[in-house]
Amino acid sequence: MIMKRFLPALLASAVLTLSLAACNDESPEGAGTGDAPDDVVTVPLPPLPPAVDTTGGKKAPAPAANSPLRELSAPNAVEDIKKMQPQM
């Protein structure tokens, strides 16, 4: 009977203690307060280099029916599956 009253009070005091410890203001400057420290230097990233042309200026041909460059879609998949099935 004493335990039924003691356990919730103990639990409430533990939660209160932990929440007060979390609100303690002994943290380093700028940590957890939302303020950025003044000694941080931000430098913009350099621009990305242009993409390398590995084709030598040639245009890619239109993808053939069996090309791996063909669009992945349901109608194309159905066509491929029909081609793989044995003909009777």
N, C-alpha and C. Protein backbone atom coordinates (compact mmCIF):
# COMPACT_ATOMS: atom_id res chain seq x y z
N MET A 1 0.83 -1.17 0.00
CA MET A 1 0.00 0.00 0.00
C MET A 1 0.88 1.25 0.00
N ILE A 2 1.93 1.24 0.77
CA ILE A 2 2.84 2.37 0.80
C ILE A 2 3.56 2.48 -0.54
N MET A 3 3.83 1.32 -1.16
CA MET A 3 4.54 1.31 -2.43
C MET A 3 3.70 1.95 -3.54
N LYS A 4 2.36 1.79 -3.47
CA LYS A 4 1.49 2.38 -4.49
C LYS A 4 1.55 3.90 -4.46
N ARG A 5 1.76 4.48 -3.30
CA ARG A 5 1.85 5.93 -3.18
C ARG A 5 3.28 6.41 -3.42
N PHE A 6 4.23 5.60 -3.05
CA PHE A 6 5.63 5.99 -3.12
C PHE A 6 6.16 5.95 -4.56
N LEU A 7 5.78 4.94 -5.34
CA LEU A 7 6.30 4.77 -6.69
C LEU A 7 5.91 5.92 -7.64
N PRO A 8 4.64 6.34 -7.70
CA PRO A 8 4.33 7.49 -8.58
C PRO A 8 5.03 8.78 -8.14
N ALA A 9 5.17 8.99 -6.84
CA ALA A 9 5.86 10.18 -6.36
C ALA A 9 7.34 10.13 -6.73
N LEU A 10 7.94 8.96 -6.63
CA LEU A 10 9.34 8.79 -7.01
C LEU A 10 9.51 9.03 -8.51
N LEU A 11 8.60 8.50 -9.31
CA LEU A 11 8.66 8.68 -10.75
C LEU A 11 8.49 10.16 -11.12
N ALA A 12 7.56 10.84 -10.48
CA ALA A 12 7.35 12.27 -10.77
C ALA A 12 8.56 13.10 -10.38
N SER A 13 9.18 12.77 -9.27
CA SER A 13 10.36 13.54 -8.86
C SER A 13 11.54 13.28 -9.80
N ALA A 14 11.66 12.06 -10.30
CA ALA A 14 12.73 11.75 -11.25
C ALA A 14 12.53 12.51 -12.55
N VAL A 15 11.30 12.57 -13.05
CA VAL A 15 11.02 13.30 -14.28
C VAL A 15 11.28 14.78 -14.08
N LEU A 16 10.89 15.33 -12.94
CA LEU A 16 11.11 16.74 -12.65
C LEU A 16 12.60 17.04 -12.56
N THR A 17 13.35 16.16 -11.92
CA THR A 17 14.79 16.36 -11.79
C THR A 17 15.47 16.34 -13.16
N LEU A 18 15.07 15.39 -14.02
CA LEU A 18 15.67 15.31 -15.35
C LEU A 18 15.31 16.51 -16.20
N SER A 19 14.08 16.99 -16.08
CA SER A 19 13.70 18.15 -16.89
C SER A 19 14.40 19.41 -16.41
N LEU A 20 14.61 19.54 -15.11
CA LEU A 20 15.34 20.69 -14.60
C LEU A 20 16.81 20.63 -14.98
N ALA A 21 17.37 19.41 -15.01
CA ALA A 21 18.77 19.26 -15.40
C ALA A 21 18.95 19.59 -16.88
N ALA A 22 17.93 19.30 -17.69
CA ALA A 22 18.02 19.61 -19.11
C ALA A 22 17.94 21.11 -19.36
N CYS A 23 17.28 21.84 -18.48
CA CYS A 23 17.15 23.29 -18.64
C CYS A 23 18.29 24.05 -17.98
N ASN A 24 19.25 23.34 -17.44
CA ASN A 24 20.37 23.98 -16.77
C ASN A 24 21.16 24.81 -17.77
N ASP A 25 21.58 26.01 -17.40
CA ASP A 25 22.26 26.92 -18.32
C ASP A 25 23.77 26.89 -18.14
N GLU A 26 24.33 25.74 -17.83
CA GLU A 26 25.77 25.63 -17.66
C GLU A 26 26.45 25.09 -18.92
N SER A 27 25.74 25.13 -20.05
CA SER A 27 26.29 24.62 -21.29
C SER A 27 27.29 25.62 -21.87
N PRO A 28 28.16 25.17 -22.77
CA PRO A 28 29.10 26.09 -23.41
C PRO A 28 28.35 27.16 -24.19
N GLU A 29 29.03 28.25 -24.45
CA GLU A 29 28.40 29.39 -25.12
C GLU A 29 27.91 28.99 -26.50
N GLY A 30 26.63 29.27 -26.74
CA GLY A 30 26.04 29.00 -28.03
C GLY A 30 25.50 27.60 -28.19
N ALA A 31 25.79 26.68 -27.31
CA ALA A 31 25.32 25.31 -27.47
C ALA A 31 23.89 25.19 -26.96
N GLY A 32 23.00 24.80 -27.81
CA GLY A 32 21.62 24.56 -27.43
C GLY A 32 20.80 25.82 -27.21
N THR A 33 21.35 26.98 -27.42
CA THR A 33 20.58 28.20 -27.20
C THR A 33 20.02 28.75 -28.49
N GLY A 34 20.43 28.22 -29.62
CA GLY A 34 19.95 28.70 -30.90
C GLY A 34 20.80 29.82 -31.46
N ASP A 35 21.72 30.36 -30.67
CA ASP A 35 22.59 31.43 -31.14
C ASP A 35 23.85 30.83 -31.74
N ALA A 36 24.26 31.34 -32.87
CA ALA A 36 25.49 30.86 -33.48
C ALA A 36 26.67 31.56 -32.83
N PRO A 37 27.72 30.83 -32.53
CA PRO A 37 28.91 31.48 -31.97
C PRO A 37 29.51 32.46 -32.98
N ASP A 38 30.16 33.51 -32.48
CA ASP A 38 30.68 34.55 -33.34
C ASP A 38 31.98 34.15 -34.04
N ASP A 39 32.67 33.12 -33.57
CA ASP A 39 33.96 32.78 -34.14
C ASP A 39 33.88 31.79 -35.31
N VAL A 40 32.68 31.51 -35.82
CA VAL A 40 32.53 30.58 -36.93
C VAL A 40 32.61 31.37 -38.23
N VAL A 41 33.46 30.91 -39.14
CA VAL A 41 33.63 31.57 -40.42
C VAL A 41 32.94 30.71 -41.47
N THR A 42 32.06 31.33 -42.24
CA THR A 42 31.39 30.59 -43.32
C THR A 42 31.95 31.05 -44.64
N VAL A 43 32.30 30.07 -45.48
CA VAL A 43 32.87 30.35 -46.79
C VAL A 43 31.99 29.66 -47.81
N PRO A 44 31.59 30.35 -48.88
CA PRO A 44 30.76 29.69 -49.89
C PRO A 44 31.55 28.61 -50.61
N LEU A 45 30.84 27.58 -51.03
CA LEU A 45 31.48 26.48 -51.75
C LEU A 45 31.88 26.93 -53.14
N PRO A 46 32.95 26.36 -53.68
CA PRO A 46 33.35 26.72 -55.05
C PRO A 46 32.32 26.16 -56.04
N PRO A 47 32.19 26.78 -57.22
CA PRO A 47 31.21 26.28 -58.19
C PRO A 47 31.63 24.92 -58.73
N LEU A 48 30.63 24.14 -59.15
CA LEU A 48 30.92 22.84 -59.73
C LEU A 48 31.52 22.99 -61.12
N PRO A 49 32.46 22.14 -61.48
CA PRO A 49 33.02 22.22 -62.83
C PRO A 49 31.98 21.73 -63.84
N PRO A 50 32.10 22.17 -65.10
CA PRO A 50 31.14 21.71 -66.11
C PRO A 50 31.30 20.21 -66.37
N ALA A 51 30.23 19.58 -66.81
CA ALA A 51 30.26 18.15 -67.09
C ALA A 51 31.19 17.87 -68.26
N VAL A 52 31.92 16.77 -68.17
CA VAL A 52 32.88 16.41 -69.21
C VAL A 52 32.13 15.76 -70.37
N ASP A 53 32.44 16.20 -71.60
CA ASP A 53 31.83 15.63 -72.79
C ASP A 53 32.64 14.42 -73.22
N THR A 54 32.13 13.22 -72.94
CA THR A 54 32.85 11.99 -73.29
C THR A 54 32.44 11.45 -74.65
N THR A 55 31.48 12.09 -75.33
CA THR A 55 31.02 11.59 -76.63
C THR A 55 31.81 12.15 -77.78
N GLY A 56 32.64 13.14 -77.55
CA GLY A 56 33.39 13.76 -78.63
C GLY A 56 32.51 14.63 -79.51
N GLY A 57 31.39 15.10 -78.98
CA GLY A 57 30.49 15.96 -79.74
C GLY A 57 29.45 15.20 -80.53
N LYS A 58 29.45 13.87 -80.49
CA LYS A 58 28.49 13.09 -81.26
C LYS A 58 27.15 13.03 -80.52
N LYS A 59 26.08 12.97 -81.27
CA LYS A 59 24.75 12.82 -80.69
C LYS A 59 24.46 11.34 -80.47
N ALA A 60 23.75 11.04 -79.43
CA ALA A 60 23.38 9.65 -79.16
C ALA A 60 22.26 9.24 -80.10
N PRO A 61 22.34 8.02 -80.66
CA PRO A 61 21.26 7.56 -81.54
C PRO A 61 19.99 7.31 -80.74
N ALA A 62 18.88 7.33 -81.41
CA ALA A 62 17.60 7.04 -80.75
C ALA A 62 17.65 5.61 -80.23
N PRO A 63 17.16 5.37 -79.03
CA PRO A 63 17.25 4.02 -78.47
C PRO A 63 16.44 3.03 -79.29
N ALA A 64 17.06 1.90 -79.58
CA ALA A 64 16.38 0.84 -80.33
C ALA A 64 15.42 0.11 -79.40
N ALA A 65 14.66 -0.79 -79.99
CA ALA A 65 13.64 -1.50 -79.21
C ALA A 65 14.27 -2.37 -78.12
N ASN A 66 15.47 -2.87 -78.35
CA ASN A 66 16.10 -3.73 -77.36
C ASN A 66 17.23 -3.03 -76.62
N SER A 67 17.30 -1.72 -76.72
CA SER A 67 18.38 -0.96 -76.10
C SER A 67 18.17 -0.83 -74.60
N PRO A 68 19.24 -0.88 -73.81
CA PRO A 68 19.09 -0.67 -72.36
C PRO A 68 18.78 0.78 -72.02
N LEU A 69 18.92 1.68 -73.02
CA LEU A 69 18.62 3.09 -72.79
C LEU A 69 17.14 3.41 -72.98
N ARG A 70 16.36 2.41 -73.34
CA ARG A 70 14.93 2.62 -73.57
C ARG A 70 14.23 2.95 -72.26
N GLU A 71 13.18 3.74 -72.34
CA GLU A 71 12.45 4.16 -71.15
C GLU A 71 11.84 2.96 -70.43
N LEU A 72 11.96 2.96 -69.10
CA LEU A 72 11.36 1.91 -68.31
C LEU A 72 9.90 2.29 -68.04
N SER A 73 9.00 1.61 -68.71
CA SER A 73 7.58 1.88 -68.52
C SER A 73 6.82 0.57 -68.66
N ALA A 74 5.57 0.60 -68.27
CA ALA A 74 4.76 -0.62 -68.31
C ALA A 74 4.57 -1.15 -69.73
N PRO A 75 4.23 -0.32 -70.71
CA PRO A 75 4.08 -0.87 -72.07
C PRO A 75 5.38 -1.47 -72.62
N ASN A 76 6.51 -0.83 -72.37
CA ASN A 76 7.79 -1.38 -72.84
C ASN A 76 8.12 -2.69 -72.11
N ALA A 77 7.79 -2.77 -70.83
CA ALA A 77 8.05 -4.00 -70.09
C ALA A 77 7.18 -5.13 -70.61
N VAL A 78 5.92 -4.84 -70.93
CA VAL A 78 5.03 -5.87 -71.48
C VAL A 78 5.57 -6.38 -72.81
N GLU A 79 6.06 -5.46 -73.65
CA GLU A 79 6.64 -5.87 -74.93
C GLU A 79 7.84 -6.78 -74.72
N ASP A 80 8.70 -6.42 -73.79
CA ASP A 80 9.90 -7.23 -73.53
C ASP A 80 9.52 -8.61 -73.00
N ILE A 81 8.54 -8.65 -72.12
CA ILE A 81 8.12 -9.95 -71.57
C ILE A 81 7.54 -10.82 -72.67
N LYS A 82 6.74 -10.24 -73.54
CA LYS A 82 6.16 -11.01 -74.65
C LYS A 82 7.25 -11.55 -75.57
N LYS A 83 8.31 -10.77 -75.77
CA LYS A 83 9.41 -11.22 -76.63
C LYS A 83 10.20 -12.35 -75.99
N MET A 84 10.25 -12.37 -74.67
CA MET A 84 11.03 -13.42 -73.99
C MET A 84 10.27 -14.73 -73.90
N GLN A 85 8.95 -14.71 -74.00
CA GLN A 85 8.16 -15.96 -73.90
C GLN A 85 8.28 -16.77 -75.17
N PRO A 86 8.27 -18.08 -75.02
CA PRO A 86 8.37 -18.92 -76.21
C PRO A 86 7.10 -18.80 -77.06
N GLN A 87 7.30 -18.83 -78.36
CA GLN A 87 6.16 -18.73 -79.29
C GLN A 87 5.62 -20.12 -79.54
N MET A 88 4.29 -20.24 -79.47
CA MET A 88 3.66 -21.53 -79.73
C MET A 88 2.77 -21.46 -80.94
